[in-house]
Amino acid sequence: MQEKDLQVLRHSAAHLLAHAVKELFPETVLTIGPATKDGFFYDSLPEKNFKDEDLVLIEARMREISAKNIPLTHREISKEEARVIYKNNPFKLELIDQIPGDFVGLAEQGDFYDLCRGGHVASTGEIKYFKLLHISGSYWRADKNNKQLQRISGTAFFTQQELDEFIQQREDALQFDHRKLGKELDLFSFHEEGVGFPFFHPRGTIILGILAQHLKKHLVKDGYQEISTPMMLSDELWRRSGHYQHYKDNMYFSCIDEKSYAIKPMNCPGSILVYKERPRSYRELPLKLSESGSVHRHELSGVLSGLFRVRAFTIDDAHIFCTKEQIEAEVTKFIALNDEVLRPFGFTKTVIGVSTRPEKAMGSDELWNIATNALKDALDKAGKKYEIYEGEGAFYGPKIEFGIEDSLKRVWQCGTMQIDFFQPENFDLSYISSEGVKERPVMLHRAIYGSFERFFGILLEHFKGKFPFWLSPVQIKVLTITDEQKEYACNLKQTLVDHGFRVELDSSSDQISGQIKRAQLERVPWMLVIGKKEVENNTVTLRYLDGKQEFGLTIQQVVEKAKNAECY
C-alpha cells in the first residue's frame, strides 16, 4: 500500500476522532487534526480535560460511526460562509484568515463538518483498523505563548495484522523503554536538581567509554586528528557564526568580566578557530578535526524525553576542511566509516536521504551542483539506495542523513554528512593552492552516533538491555555455591581482570539460585559458577544469560572464549 494512501486513511481517521469527540463532548472546541508518520492526532480545547478512561468511550463511538458507513464529502465554500460557521471557534477563524484565496475547503460526514483541504477515503466504513493511543498536552500552533490544548493521538492501518504488529511493537517499546531499563540496570538517572541533565552511573559511564574507544579506533585509522575546544565562548563568535540568530532562545549565557559569553550549543565555531590559527596549505587538505564535544541547549521541559531529548549531550563531531574537488572522496570515505562503526551493533537496515538546495541558499548553482552530485555519486558507488529530499537542504549546503532501523523496526536518524559553504565564507577561511593563491575551502560537518547520550538510549532499547559481551559494563560475574569457594573465586576474578575483562564477584552468601537470578536481572552475559567440584578440578561452569551451560572449563579456556567474544 502506498504511503500516500495510508496518509489519506489516517487523515480521515482524525476526522472520525473529531466527529466522535463532538458527539460525546459537544462543548469541545476543535482546532487541527493531521496525519503523522505513525498515525494521526487531533488537538482540541475541551470544557473539562480528557482523562485516559475517556479514550475508551471515544474509540467506541468512533467504531459506531465507522459501522454506519457514512459517506465523506468535500466542497469549497466562501470564507464569509466559513466565518459564519466557525463564529464561535477562534482557532478556525485564525486558520481561515491565513488560507490564501477567497474559498476554503469543508469536509462533511453526516452532520459533522470540519475545515479541511481534502483527501479522504470514500466513507467512514473504510476506517476499520484503528486504535487511540494516548492523551498529551499541546499548544496552539506549537507555540508555548498560545493557548494550551489537549491532543488525542491514535493510529490506523488498512489491515488488522498491520495494526496488531504496530501495537505489539509499541508494547515492546514500552517494556524496553530505555528510561525503565536505565533505572533497572543502574546505568543513569535524572534529578530535579538538574532537569534534563543526565547523571551517568559507573556502569553507564563504562558503556560511554567503550563507545568512545570504539569510535576513536576507527577515526585514528581514517586520519582524523582529535581536538578539544572550550565549553564557553564569547557572544561575538556566536553572532558571527549565525548560531545566536538561530539558537539564542535555546542557548545558555553567562557574563564574565562584564563580557557576555554563551555555553556552546554546537562545536563547529571552535573547530573553525583551530583551522584559522595559522595559514593552511593545500597539502594539509583534507584536514579532519574530530571532537567529542559537550554542548548545552535549553529545551522546553515538555519535550524532554530521557536520553532522547536532553539539555546537555556530547556530539561525536568532526569537521573536514577540504577542496571542492575532494568532496566526493571524503563523502565516500565517510559512508564506509559509518558502516564500519555501526556494524558491531547489528543494525541491518539503513534509510538514507539526500537533502537538496532550498529556495533560499548561499553559494552558486555550480557549487551546489558539484556538492549535491558528489553526495549522490558517493552513495551510488557505495551501492546505497537513497531518497531525494527536494529543497530540504540547509541554506548553507546539501546533506546526507543516515537512519538506522533497530530491533523493534523503528528508524532513528543518527549519522549526517553536511556540506557547508557558509562558514568558510563567513569566517574568511582560506588555504594556499598549488598555484600559490588563496582559495576557499569547503567545510564538511559529520557525525555517526549523532550524540552519545541519544545513541546510548537507542542501543539500550535495541538490545532490550542485553548488551553483547564486548559492550556489557559487567561481562562476567563469578558465583559460588558456598563461602568455601570464595578464595578460589577471588583468584579467578583477578586473573580475568588482569586479562582486561570487566568482572564482578558476588560476595553475598545467598543461595546459588538467588545469585543466578540477580545476575540475570542485571543482564550479565556470562556467569562462572564455582562449587566444590570446580575447585578440586581447577575448572569452572560457564552459564550464559540464556541459561545454556558449559561444564569443566579451565581458566585458560574461559580466557580464550572471552577473547573471541570480544572480537566484533
Protein backbone atom coordinates (compact mmCIF):
# COMPACT_ATOMS: atom_id res chain seq x y z
CA MET A 1 0.00 0.00 0.00
CA GLN A 2 1.39 3.38 -0.94
CA GLU A 3 2.40 5.82 1.80
CA LYS A 4 0.13 8.46 0.26
CA ASP A 5 -2.92 6.18 0.61
CA LEU A 6 -2.05 5.48 4.24
CA GLN A 7 -1.82 9.22 4.93
CA VAL A 8 -5.30 9.68 3.41
CA LEU A 9 -6.68 6.92 5.65
CA ARG A 10 -5.09 8.43 8.75
CA HIS A 11 -6.26 11.93 7.90
CA SER A 12 -9.77 10.51 7.57
CA ALA A 13 -9.33 8.75 10.93
CA ALA A 14 -8.50 12.12 12.50
CA HIS A 15 -11.87 13.43 11.24
CA LEU A 16 -13.53 10.32 12.65
CA LEU A 17 -11.92 11.04 16.01
CA ALA A 18 -13.11 14.66 15.97
CA HIS A 19 -16.62 13.51 14.99
CA ALA A 20 -16.76 11.14 17.98
CA VAL A 21 -15.43 13.81 20.36
CA LYS A 22 -18.06 16.33 19.26
CA GLU A 23 -20.87 13.78 19.75
CA LEU A 24 -19.67 12.82 23.23
CA PHE A 25 -18.35 16.20 24.36
CA PRO A 26 -20.24 18.81 22.28
CA GLU A 27 -18.71 21.81 24.07
CA THR A 28 -15.21 20.84 22.87
CA VAL A 29 -13.59 23.41 20.56
CA LEU A 30 -11.78 21.69 17.67
CA THR A 31 -8.51 23.00 16.19
CA ILE A 32 -6.49 20.79 13.80
CA GLY A 33 -6.03 17.06 13.19
CA PRO A 34 -3.36 15.95 10.72
CA ALA A 35 -1.99 12.56 9.73
CA THR A 36 1.51 11.82 11.03
CA LYS A 37 4.27 9.36 10.24
CA ASP A 38 2.90 6.80 12.71
CA GLY A 39 -0.78 7.70 12.82
CA PHE A 40 -2.82 10.83 13.49
CA PHE A 41 -3.83 13.25 16.22
CA TYR A 42 -6.42 15.92 16.91
CA ASP A 43 -5.82 18.95 19.10
CA SER A 44 -8.81 20.47 20.86
CA LEU A 45 -9.88 22.60 23.80
CA PRO A 46 -12.35 20.54 25.89
CA GLU A 47 -14.66 22.02 28.51
CA LYS A 48 -13.03 19.66 31.03
CA ASN A 49 -9.72 17.93 30.41
CA PHE A 50 -9.99 14.47 28.89
CA LYS A 51 -8.95 11.53 31.06
CA ASP A 52 -7.44 8.22 29.95
CA GLU A 53 -10.75 6.45 30.55
CA ASP A 54 -12.37 8.82 28.03
CA LEU A 55 -10.29 7.22 25.27
CA VAL A 56 -12.30 4.00 25.64
CA LEU A 57 -15.58 5.90 25.18
CA ILE A 58 -14.25 7.93 22.24
CA GLU A 59 -12.85 4.88 20.45
CA ALA A 60 -16.12 3.01 20.94
CA ARG A 61 -18.06 5.93 19.44
CA MET A 62 -15.62 6.04 16.51
CA ARG A 63 -16.42 2.38 15.81
CA GLU A 64 -20.15 3.12 15.90
CA ILE A 65 -19.71 5.93 13.36
CA SER A 66 -17.49 3.71 11.22
CA ALA A 67 -20.15 0.98 11.21
CA LYS A 68 -22.72 3.46 9.83
CA ASN A 69 -20.58 3.74 6.69
CA ILE A 70 -21.30 7.47 6.31
CA PRO A 71 -20.06 8.98 3.02
CA LEU A 72 -17.21 11.51 3.30
CA THR A 73 -17.67 14.53 1.05
CA HIS A 74 -15.69 17.68 0.41
CA ARG A 75 -16.68 21.04 -1.03
CA GLU A 76 -15.38 24.57 -1.39
CA ILE A 77 -17.18 27.35 0.48
CA SER A 78 -16.57 31.09 0.65
CA LYS A 79 -14.58 32.48 3.52
CA GLU A 80 -17.63 34.54 4.51
CA GLU A 81 -19.69 31.37 4.89
CA ALA A 82 -16.84 29.67 6.77
CA ARG A 83 -16.59 32.57 9.21
CA VAL A 84 -20.30 32.27 9.97
CA ILE A 85 -19.97 28.51 10.54
CA TYR A 86 -16.98 28.99 12.87
CA LYS A 87 -18.01 32.27 14.51
CA ASN A 88 -17.50 30.68 17.97
CA ASN A 89 -14.19 28.98 17.16
CA PRO A 90 -11.26 31.44 17.29
CA PHE A 91 -8.80 28.75 16.17
CA LYS A 92 -10.67 28.01 12.94
CA LEU A 93 -11.20 31.73 12.32
CA GLU A 94 -7.45 32.27 12.53
CA LEU A 95 -6.90 29.46 10.03
CA ILE A 96 -9.50 30.88 7.66
CA ASP A 97 -7.77 34.26 7.69
CA GLN A 98 -4.42 32.66 6.87
CA ILE A 99 -5.60 30.46 3.99
CA PRO A 100 -4.88 32.21 0.67
CA GLY A 101 -7.73 32.99 -1.72
CA ASP A 102 -11.43 33.59 -1.21
CA PHE A 103 -12.51 29.99 -0.62
CA VAL A 104 -11.74 27.25 1.89
CA GLY A 105 -12.45 23.51 1.97
CA LEU A 106 -15.13 21.91 4.14
CA ALA A 107 -15.19 18.16 4.80
CA GLU A 108 -18.50 16.59 5.81
CA GLN A 109 -19.65 13.21 7.11
CA GLY A 110 -23.27 13.13 8.16
CA ASP A 111 -23.94 16.09 10.45
CA PHE A 112 -20.22 16.53 11.25
CA TYR A 113 -18.10 19.01 9.32
CA ASP A 114 -14.55 20.30 9.55
CA LEU A 115 -12.33 22.84 7.83
CA CYS A 116 -10.10 20.80 5.53
CA ARG A 117 -8.11 20.85 2.28
CA GLY A 118 -9.43 17.43 1.33
CA GLY A 119 -8.02 13.98 0.75
CA HIS A 120 -10.26 11.36 2.38
CA VAL A 121 -11.50 7.82 2.00
CA ALA A 122 -14.96 7.39 0.46
CA SER A 123 -16.83 6.59 3.67
CA THR A 124 -16.35 6.04 7.40
CA GLY A 125 -16.78 2.30 6.79
CA GLU A 126 -13.31 2.19 5.24
CA ILE A 127 -11.78 3.25 8.57
CA LYS A 128 -11.84 -0.08 10.37
CA TYR A 129 -8.43 -0.87 11.84
CA PHE A 130 -7.53 1.92 14.26
CA LYS A 131 -6.67 2.50 17.89
CA LEU A 132 -6.42 5.54 20.14
CA LEU A 133 -3.10 5.61 21.95
CA HIS A 134 -2.79 8.42 24.46
CA ILE A 135 -3.65 11.94 25.61
CA SER A 136 -1.00 14.64 25.90
CA GLY A 137 -0.72 18.40 26.24
CA SER A 138 -0.01 20.72 23.31
CA TYR A 139 -0.06 24.39 22.40
CA TRP A 140 -1.96 26.07 19.61
CA ARG A 141 0.39 26.31 16.61
CA ALA A 142 3.08 24.63 18.78
CA ASP A 143 3.79 27.98 20.47
CA LYS A 144 4.11 27.94 24.25
CA ASN A 145 2.80 31.52 24.36
CA ASN A 146 -0.52 30.37 22.86
CA LYS A 147 -3.49 28.59 24.38
CA GLN A 148 -2.77 25.20 25.93
CA LEU A 149 -4.73 22.37 24.30
CA GLN A 150 -5.17 18.62 24.64
CA ARG A 151 -4.00 16.19 21.99
CA ILE A 152 -5.55 12.77 21.42
CA SER A 153 -3.24 10.57 19.35
CA GLY A 154 -4.02 7.35 17.52
CA THR A 155 -3.05 5.19 14.60
CA ALA A 156 -4.80 3.49 11.70
CA PHE A 157 -3.93 0.83 9.13
CA PHE A 158 -5.55 -0.96 6.21
CA THR A 159 -5.41 -4.41 7.87
CA GLN A 160 -5.81 -5.88 11.34
CA GLN A 161 -2.43 -7.60 11.00
CA GLU A 162 -0.63 -4.29 10.43
CA LEU A 163 -2.43 -2.76 13.41
CA ASP A 164 -1.59 -5.76 15.63
CA GLU A 165 2.07 -5.58 14.62
CA PHE A 166 2.17 -1.87 15.42
CA ILE A 167 0.55 -2.38 18.82
CA GLN A 168 2.97 -5.21 19.65
CA GLN A 169 5.87 -3.01 18.59
CA ARG A 170 4.54 -0.24 20.80
CA GLU A 171 4.14 -2.59 23.77
CA ASP A 172 7.70 -3.83 23.26
CA ALA A 173 8.90 -0.24 23.12
CA LEU A 174 7.17 0.50 26.44
CA GLN A 175 8.51 -2.68 28.01
CA PHE A 176 12.04 -1.92 26.89
CA ASP A 177 11.90 1.84 27.36
CA HIS A 178 15.48 3.00 27.96
CA ARG A 179 14.44 5.07 30.97
CA LYS A 180 12.98 1.99 32.65
CA LEU A 181 15.98 -0.19 31.73
CA GLY A 182 18.43 2.53 32.76
CA LYS A 183 16.98 2.50 36.27
CA GLU A 184 16.76 -1.30 36.49
CA LEU A 185 20.37 -1.75 35.33
CA ASP A 186 21.72 1.19 37.38
CA LEU A 187 23.11 2.95 34.28
CA PHE A 188 21.91 6.54 34.59
CA SER A 189 19.39 8.77 36.34
CA PHE A 190 17.74 12.19 36.21
CA HIS A 191 17.25 14.52 39.15
CA GLU A 192 15.16 17.59 39.93
CA GLU A 193 18.36 19.44 40.75
CA GLY A 194 19.26 19.32 37.06
CA VAL A 195 16.16 18.79 34.91
CA GLY A 196 17.16 17.47 31.50
CA PHE A 197 20.77 16.82 32.52
CA PRO A 198 21.60 13.09 32.69
CA PHE A 199 23.67 11.60 35.52
CA PHE A 200 25.64 8.56 34.33
CA HIS A 201 26.40 5.94 36.99
CA PRO A 202 29.58 3.79 36.99
CA ARG A 203 28.15 1.12 34.71
CA GLY A 204 26.66 3.65 32.31
CA THR A 205 29.94 5.54 32.20
CA ILE A 206 31.73 2.31 31.27
CA ILE A 207 29.45 1.93 28.24
CA LEU A 208 30.02 5.54 27.19
CA GLY A 209 33.77 4.92 27.43
CA ILE A 210 33.53 1.80 25.27
CA LEU A 211 31.52 3.69 22.65
CA ALA A 212 34.14 6.45 22.61
CA GLN A 213 37.04 3.97 22.33
CA HIS A 214 35.27 2.05 19.56
CA LEU A 215 34.75 5.24 17.57
CA LYS A 216 38.22 6.63 18.22
CA LYS A 217 39.86 3.44 16.96
CA HIS A 218 38.21 3.94 13.57
CA LEU A 219 38.83 7.69 13.48
CA VAL A 220 42.55 7.30 14.07
CA LYS A 221 42.73 4.73 11.30
CA ASP A 222 40.87 7.12 8.99
CA GLY A 223 43.24 10.05 9.58
CA TYR A 224 41.23 12.20 11.99
CA GLN A 225 43.03 14.46 14.47
CA GLU A 226 41.33 14.97 17.81
CA ILE A 227 40.85 18.44 19.27
CA SER A 228 39.15 19.88 22.35
CA THR A 229 37.61 23.35 22.38
CA PRO A 230 36.20 25.46 25.25
CA MET A 231 32.73 24.94 26.66
CA MET A 232 32.07 28.67 26.70
CA LEU A 233 32.90 31.27 24.05
CA SER A 234 32.06 34.94 23.57
CA ASP A 235 28.76 36.17 22.19
CA GLU A 236 30.61 37.80 19.34
CA LEU A 237 31.68 34.42 17.96
CA TRP A 238 28.14 33.02 18.09
CA ARG A 239 26.78 36.12 16.39
CA ARG A 240 29.31 35.78 13.61
CA SER A 241 28.63 32.06 13.14
CA GLY A 242 24.88 32.71 12.93
CA HIS A 243 24.04 30.47 15.87
CA TYR A 244 22.98 33.43 18.02
CA GLN A 245 20.35 34.48 15.49
CA HIS A 246 19.01 30.94 15.07
CA TYR A 247 19.56 29.42 18.53
CA LYS A 248 19.61 32.23 21.09
CA ASP A 249 16.34 31.04 22.71
CA ASN A 250 17.96 27.64 23.24
CA MET A 251 21.34 28.92 24.47
CA TYR A 252 22.67 29.46 27.99
CA PHE A 253 24.50 32.72 28.65
CA SER A 254 26.88 34.00 31.30
CA CYS A 255 28.58 37.31 32.00
CA ILE A 256 32.30 37.21 32.82
CA ASP A 257 34.32 40.40 33.46
CA GLU A 258 31.40 42.40 32.06
CA LYS A 259 31.56 40.47 28.79
CA SER A 260 28.79 38.18 27.55
CA TYR A 261 29.58 34.52 26.87
CA ALA A 262 27.49 31.59 25.69
CA ILE A 263 27.82 27.90 26.53
CA LYS A 264 28.23 26.23 23.18
CA PRO A 265 25.16 24.64 21.57
CA MET A 266 27.39 23.31 18.75
CA ASN A 267 31.06 22.55 18.24
CA CYS A 268 31.75 23.94 14.77
CA PRO A 269 32.89 27.50 15.68
CA GLY A 270 35.62 26.08 17.93
CA SER A 271 36.87 23.87 15.11
CA ILE A 272 36.90 26.88 12.79
CA LEU A 273 39.10 28.84 15.22
CA VAL A 274 41.56 25.94 15.32
CA TYR A 275 41.69 25.95 11.49
CA LYS A 276 42.25 29.74 11.44
CA GLU A 277 45.09 29.58 13.95
CA ARG A 278 47.66 29.63 11.17
CA PRO A 279 47.85 29.75 7.35
CA ARG A 280 46.92 26.46 5.68
CA SER A 281 48.33 24.84 2.57
CA TYR A 282 46.55 22.63 0.05
CA ARG A 283 48.99 19.94 1.14
CA GLU A 284 47.21 19.76 4.53
CA LEU A 285 43.82 19.16 2.97
CA PRO A 286 41.65 17.36 3.67
CA LEU A 287 42.13 18.35 7.30
CA LYS A 288 39.94 16.20 9.57
CA LEU A 289 39.37 17.57 13.07
CA SER A 290 37.29 15.41 15.42
CA GLU A 291 35.86 16.46 18.76
CA SER A 292 33.58 14.65 21.17
CA GLY A 293 32.28 17.99 22.35
CA SER A 294 29.78 18.56 25.13
CA VAL A 295 27.04 21.00 24.17
CA HIS A 296 24.10 22.53 26.02
CA ARG A 297 20.70 23.54 24.66
CA HIS A 298 17.77 24.92 26.60
CA GLU A 299 15.00 22.55 25.55
CA LEU A 300 11.49 23.12 26.88
CA SER A 301 10.69 20.82 29.80
CA GLY A 302 7.66 19.42 27.94
CA VAL A 303 9.79 17.95 25.14
CA LEU A 304 12.47 16.35 27.35
CA SER A 305 12.45 12.57 26.88
CA GLY A 306 15.03 10.53 28.78
CA LEU A 307 18.29 10.35 26.84
CA PHE A 308 16.50 11.01 23.56
CA ARG A 309 15.96 14.72 24.33
CA VAL A 310 18.21 16.28 26.93
CA ARG A 311 19.71 19.68 27.71
CA ALA A 312 23.31 18.53 27.80
CA PHE A 313 24.84 15.99 25.44
CA THR A 314 28.04 15.04 23.67
CA ILE A 315 28.20 15.06 19.87
CA ASP A 316 30.68 12.78 18.11
CA ASP A 317 31.55 15.72 15.90
CA ALA A 318 34.10 16.09 13.17
CA HIS A 319 34.75 18.84 10.68
CA ILE A 320 36.58 18.18 7.45
CA PHE A 321 38.16 21.11 5.63
CA CYS A 322 38.76 20.22 2.00
CA THR A 323 38.75 21.46 -1.58
CA LYS A 324 35.59 21.15 -3.66
CA GLU A 325 37.40 18.51 -5.75
CA GLN A 326 37.90 16.40 -2.60
CA ILE A 327 34.24 16.38 -1.52
CA GLU A 328 33.24 13.14 -3.25
CA ALA A 329 36.26 11.21 -1.97
CA GLU A 330 35.62 12.37 1.61
CA VAL A 331 31.92 11.52 1.41
CA THR A 332 32.84 8.07 0.07
CA LYS A 333 35.24 7.52 2.97
CA PHE A 334 32.60 8.68 5.45
CA ILE A 335 29.98 6.26 4.10
CA ALA A 336 32.45 3.38 4.61
CA LEU A 337 33.41 4.70 8.07
CA ASN A 338 29.75 4.99 9.10
CA ASP A 339 29.13 1.38 8.05
CA GLU A 340 32.25 0.13 9.82
CA VAL A 341 31.47 1.87 13.12
CA LEU A 342 27.83 0.73 13.21
CA ARG A 343 28.38 -2.89 12.05
CA PRO A 344 29.04 -4.43 15.51
CA PHE A 345 25.75 -3.08 16.85
CA GLY A 346 23.72 -5.24 14.49
CA PHE A 347 21.78 -2.57 12.64
CA THR A 348 20.96 -4.39 9.42
CA LYS A 349 18.87 -1.76 7.64
CA THR A 350 19.81 1.82 6.85
CA VAL A 351 17.49 4.51 5.48
CA ILE A 352 19.36 7.23 3.60
CA GLY A 353 18.21 10.57 2.20
CA VAL A 354 19.92 13.38 0.28
CA SER A 355 18.58 16.86 1.02
CA THR A 356 18.99 19.29 -1.89
CA ARG A 357 19.10 23.06 -2.35
CA PRO A 358 16.26 25.05 -0.75
CA GLU A 359 14.78 28.19 -2.33
CA LYS A 360 16.94 30.47 -0.21
CA ALA A 361 20.53 29.28 -0.29
CA MET A 362 24.01 30.72 -0.40
CA GLY A 363 26.64 29.75 -2.95
CA SER A 364 26.47 29.47 -6.72
CA ASP A 365 24.41 26.94 -8.65
CA GLU A 366 27.67 25.45 -9.87
CA LEU A 367 28.96 24.87 -6.34
CA TRP A 368 25.64 23.35 -5.23
CA ASN A 369 25.62 21.04 -8.23
CA ILE A 370 29.18 19.91 -7.51
CA ALA A 371 28.34 19.23 -3.86
CA THR A 372 24.99 17.51 -4.44
CA ASN A 373 26.37 15.35 -7.23
CA ALA A 374 29.30 14.42 -5.02
CA LEU A 375 26.91 13.16 -2.34
CA LYS A 376 24.83 11.17 -4.83
CA ASP A 377 27.83 9.78 -6.72
CA ALA A 378 29.46 8.62 -3.49
CA LEU A 379 26.26 6.84 -2.43
CA ASP A 380 25.89 5.29 -5.90
CA LYS A 381 29.46 3.99 -5.86
CA ALA A 382 28.89 2.53 -2.40
CA GLY A 383 25.80 0.74 -3.71
CA LYS A 384 23.50 2.57 -1.31
CA LYS A 385 19.83 3.16 -2.01
CA TYR A 386 18.61 6.62 -1.07
CA GLU A 387 15.77 9.07 -1.45
CA ILE A 388 16.00 12.67 -2.62
CA TYR A 389 14.53 15.22 -0.22
CA GLU A 390 13.97 18.07 -2.65
CA GLY A 391 14.64 21.51 -1.20
CA GLU A 392 15.26 20.20 2.32
CA GLY A 393 18.96 21.02 2.50
CA ALA A 394 20.21 23.73 4.84
CA PHE A 395 20.74 27.19 3.35
CA TYR A 396 24.50 26.62 3.59
CA GLY A 397 24.69 23.31 1.68
CA PRO A 398 23.23 19.85 0.89
CA LYS A 399 23.45 16.89 3.25
CA ILE A 400 23.07 13.13 3.66
CA GLU A 401 21.03 11.73 6.55
CA PHE A 402 21.55 8.14 7.74
CA GLY A 403 18.70 6.42 9.58
CA ILE A 404 19.22 3.09 11.35
CA GLU A 405 16.45 0.54 11.96
CA ASP A 406 16.56 -1.08 15.40
CA SER A 407 15.31 -4.49 16.55
CA LEU A 408 11.84 -3.01 17.15
CA LYS A 409 11.65 -1.87 13.49
CA ARG A 410 11.94 1.82 14.36
CA VAL A 411 14.18 4.09 12.30
CA TRP A 412 16.45 6.55 14.11
CA GLN A 413 18.22 9.34 12.26
CA CYS A 414 21.78 9.37 13.61
CA GLY A 415 24.59 9.93 11.12
CA THR A 416 24.84 13.05 8.95
CA MET A 417 27.22 14.49 6.40
CA GLN A 418 26.57 18.18 5.76
CA ILE A 419 28.36 20.32 3.19
CA ASP A 420 28.86 23.90 4.36
CA PHE A 421 29.66 26.83 2.06
CA PHE A 422 28.54 29.43 4.62
CA GLN A 423 31.02 29.23 7.50
CA PRO A 424 34.17 29.19 5.32
CA GLU A 425 32.84 32.37 3.70
CA ASN A 426 31.61 33.84 6.96
CA PHE A 427 34.94 33.34 8.74
CA ASP A 428 37.05 34.08 5.67
CA LEU A 429 38.72 30.67 5.75
CA SER A 430 41.37 30.02 3.15
CA TYR A 431 44.25 27.81 2.05
CA ILE A 432 47.13 28.41 -0.32
CA SER A 433 46.60 26.44 -3.53
CA SER A 434 49.28 24.68 -5.58
CA GLU A 435 49.40 27.83 -7.73
CA GLY A 436 50.24 29.91 -4.66
CA VAL A 437 46.91 31.77 -4.45
CA LYS A 438 44.29 31.92 -1.71
CA GLU A 439 41.35 29.58 -2.17
CA ARG A 440 38.21 29.00 -0.10
CA PRO A 441 37.93 25.53 1.48
CA VAL A 442 34.65 23.63 1.83
CA MET A 443 33.63 22.56 5.35
CA LEU A 444 32.04 19.16 5.91
CA HIS A 445 30.19 18.56 9.18
CA ARG A 446 29.73 14.92 10.05
CA ALA A 447 28.58 12.70 12.92
CA ILE A 448 27.93 8.96 13.25
CA TYR A 449 26.33 8.42 16.64
CA GLY A 450 24.70 11.86 16.49
CA SER A 451 25.07 12.20 20.23
CA PHE A 452 26.50 9.69 22.70
CA GLU A 453 23.52 10.06 25.03
CA ARG A 454 20.83 9.50 22.41
CA PHE A 455 22.78 6.66 20.81
CA PHE A 456 23.15 5.07 24.27
CA GLY A 457 19.35 5.16 24.66
CA ILE A 458 18.84 3.71 21.18
CA LEU A 459 21.26 0.85 21.94
CA LEU A 460 19.63 0.13 25.28
CA GLU A 461 16.25 -0.35 23.61
CA HIS A 462 17.73 -2.07 20.53
CA PHE A 463 19.40 -4.74 22.72
CA LYS A 464 16.47 -4.70 25.21
CA GLY A 465 19.00 -4.24 27.99
CA LYS A 466 21.02 -7.33 26.97
CA PHE A 467 24.23 -5.78 25.68
CA PRO A 468 26.60 -8.00 23.70
CA PHE A 469 29.65 -9.29 25.57
CA TRP A 470 32.03 -6.62 24.19
CA LEU A 471 29.74 -3.75 25.21
CA SER A 472 28.38 -5.02 28.51
CA PRO A 473 29.53 -2.98 31.56
CA VAL A 474 29.91 -6.22 33.52
CA GLN A 475 30.95 -9.03 31.20
CA ILE A 476 31.39 -11.83 33.71
CA LYS A 477 30.00 -12.45 37.18
CA VAL A 478 31.64 -15.04 39.41
CA LEU A 479 29.23 -17.00 41.65
CA THR A 480 29.98 -19.51 44.40
CA ILE A 481 27.80 -22.28 45.79
CA THR A 482 29.23 -21.86 49.32
CA ASP A 483 31.60 -19.46 51.03
CA GLU A 484 34.30 -22.16 50.93
CA GLN A 485 34.88 -21.33 47.24
CA LYS A 486 35.34 -17.56 47.81
CA GLU A 487 39.16 -17.63 47.80
CA TYR A 488 39.24 -19.60 44.54
CA ALA A 489 36.63 -17.19 43.12
CA CYS A 490 38.69 -14.13 44.11
CA ASN A 491 41.78 -15.52 42.39
CA LEU A 492 39.73 -16.36 39.29
CA LYS A 493 38.27 -12.85 39.20
CA GLN A 494 41.72 -11.26 39.43
CA THR A 495 43.06 -13.47 36.65
CA LEU A 496 40.24 -12.36 34.34
CA VAL A 497 40.64 -8.70 35.34
CA ASP A 498 44.37 -8.95 34.56
CA HIS A 499 43.38 -10.12 31.07
CA GLY A 500 41.33 -6.94 30.63
CA PHE A 501 37.82 -8.23 31.23
CA ARG A 502 35.15 -6.50 33.31
CA VAL A 503 34.37 -8.90 36.13
CA GLU A 504 32.43 -8.81 39.40
CA LEU A 505 32.31 -11.32 42.24
CA ASP A 506 29.02 -11.93 44.02
CA SER A 507 30.26 -11.59 47.59
CA SER A 508 26.90 -12.42 49.18
CA SER A 509 26.14 -15.65 50.98
CA ASP A 510 22.86 -16.11 49.09
CA GLN A 511 21.94 -19.47 47.65
CA ILE A 512 23.29 -20.05 44.14
CA SER A 513 19.77 -19.76 42.66
CA GLY A 514 19.48 -16.26 44.14
CA GLN A 515 22.90 -15.26 42.81
CA ILE A 516 22.00 -16.51 39.32
CA LYS A 517 18.68 -14.67 39.38
CA ARG A 518 20.39 -11.42 40.40
CA ALA A 519 22.97 -11.76 37.61
CA GLN A 520 20.17 -12.45 35.12
CA LEU A 521 18.27 -9.35 36.22
CA GLU A 522 21.48 -7.38 35.71
CA ARG A 523 21.72 -8.88 32.18
CA VAL A 524 25.28 -10.08 32.76
CA PRO A 525 26.26 -12.12 29.64
CA TRP A 526 28.40 -14.75 31.44
CA MET A 527 28.21 -16.31 34.89
CA LEU A 528 31.01 -18.52 36.19
CA VAL A 529 29.59 -20.93 38.75
CA ILE A 530 32.05 -22.45 41.23
CA GLY A 531 31.34 -25.32 43.60
CA LYS A 532 33.42 -27.90 45.44
CA LYS A 533 33.92 -29.98 42.28
CA GLU A 534 35.20 -26.98 40.26
CA VAL A 535 37.73 -26.09 42.97
CA GLU A 536 39.02 -29.67 43.14
CA ASN A 537 39.43 -29.86 39.35
CA ASN A 538 40.63 -26.24 38.92
CA THR A 539 37.74 -25.60 36.50
CA VAL A 540 34.51 -23.56 36.26
CA THR A 541 30.98 -23.97 34.92
CA LEU A 542 30.12 -21.30 32.38
CA ARG A 543 26.46 -20.28 32.44
CA TYR A 544 25.17 -17.94 29.71
CA LEU A 545 22.40 -15.39 30.15
CA ASP A 546 20.01 -17.57 28.11
CA GLY A 547 20.54 -20.48 30.54
CA LYS A 548 22.88 -22.61 28.43
CA GLN A 549 25.84 -24.09 30.32
CA GLU A 550 29.32 -25.47 29.63
CA PHE A 551 30.92 -27.63 32.30
CA GLY A 552 34.50 -28.35 33.28
CA LEU A 553 36.17 -25.40 31.52
CA THR A 554 39.71 -24.50 32.55
CA ILE A 555 40.60 -20.90 33.31
CA GLN A 556 42.61 -20.70 30.09
CA GLN A 557 39.63 -21.94 28.08
CA VAL A 558 37.44 -19.25 29.65
CA VAL A 559 40.04 -16.58 28.79
CA GLU A 560 40.22 -17.73 25.16
CA LYS A 561 36.44 -17.85 24.86
CA ALA A 562 36.21 -14.34 26.31
CA LYS A 563 38.84 -13.03 23.88
CA ASN A 564 36.90 -14.49 20.97
CA ALA A 565 33.67 -12.98 22.31
CA GLU A 566 35.36 -9.56 22.37
CA CYS A 567 36.06 -9.74 18.64
CA TYR A 568 33.44 -7.91 16.61
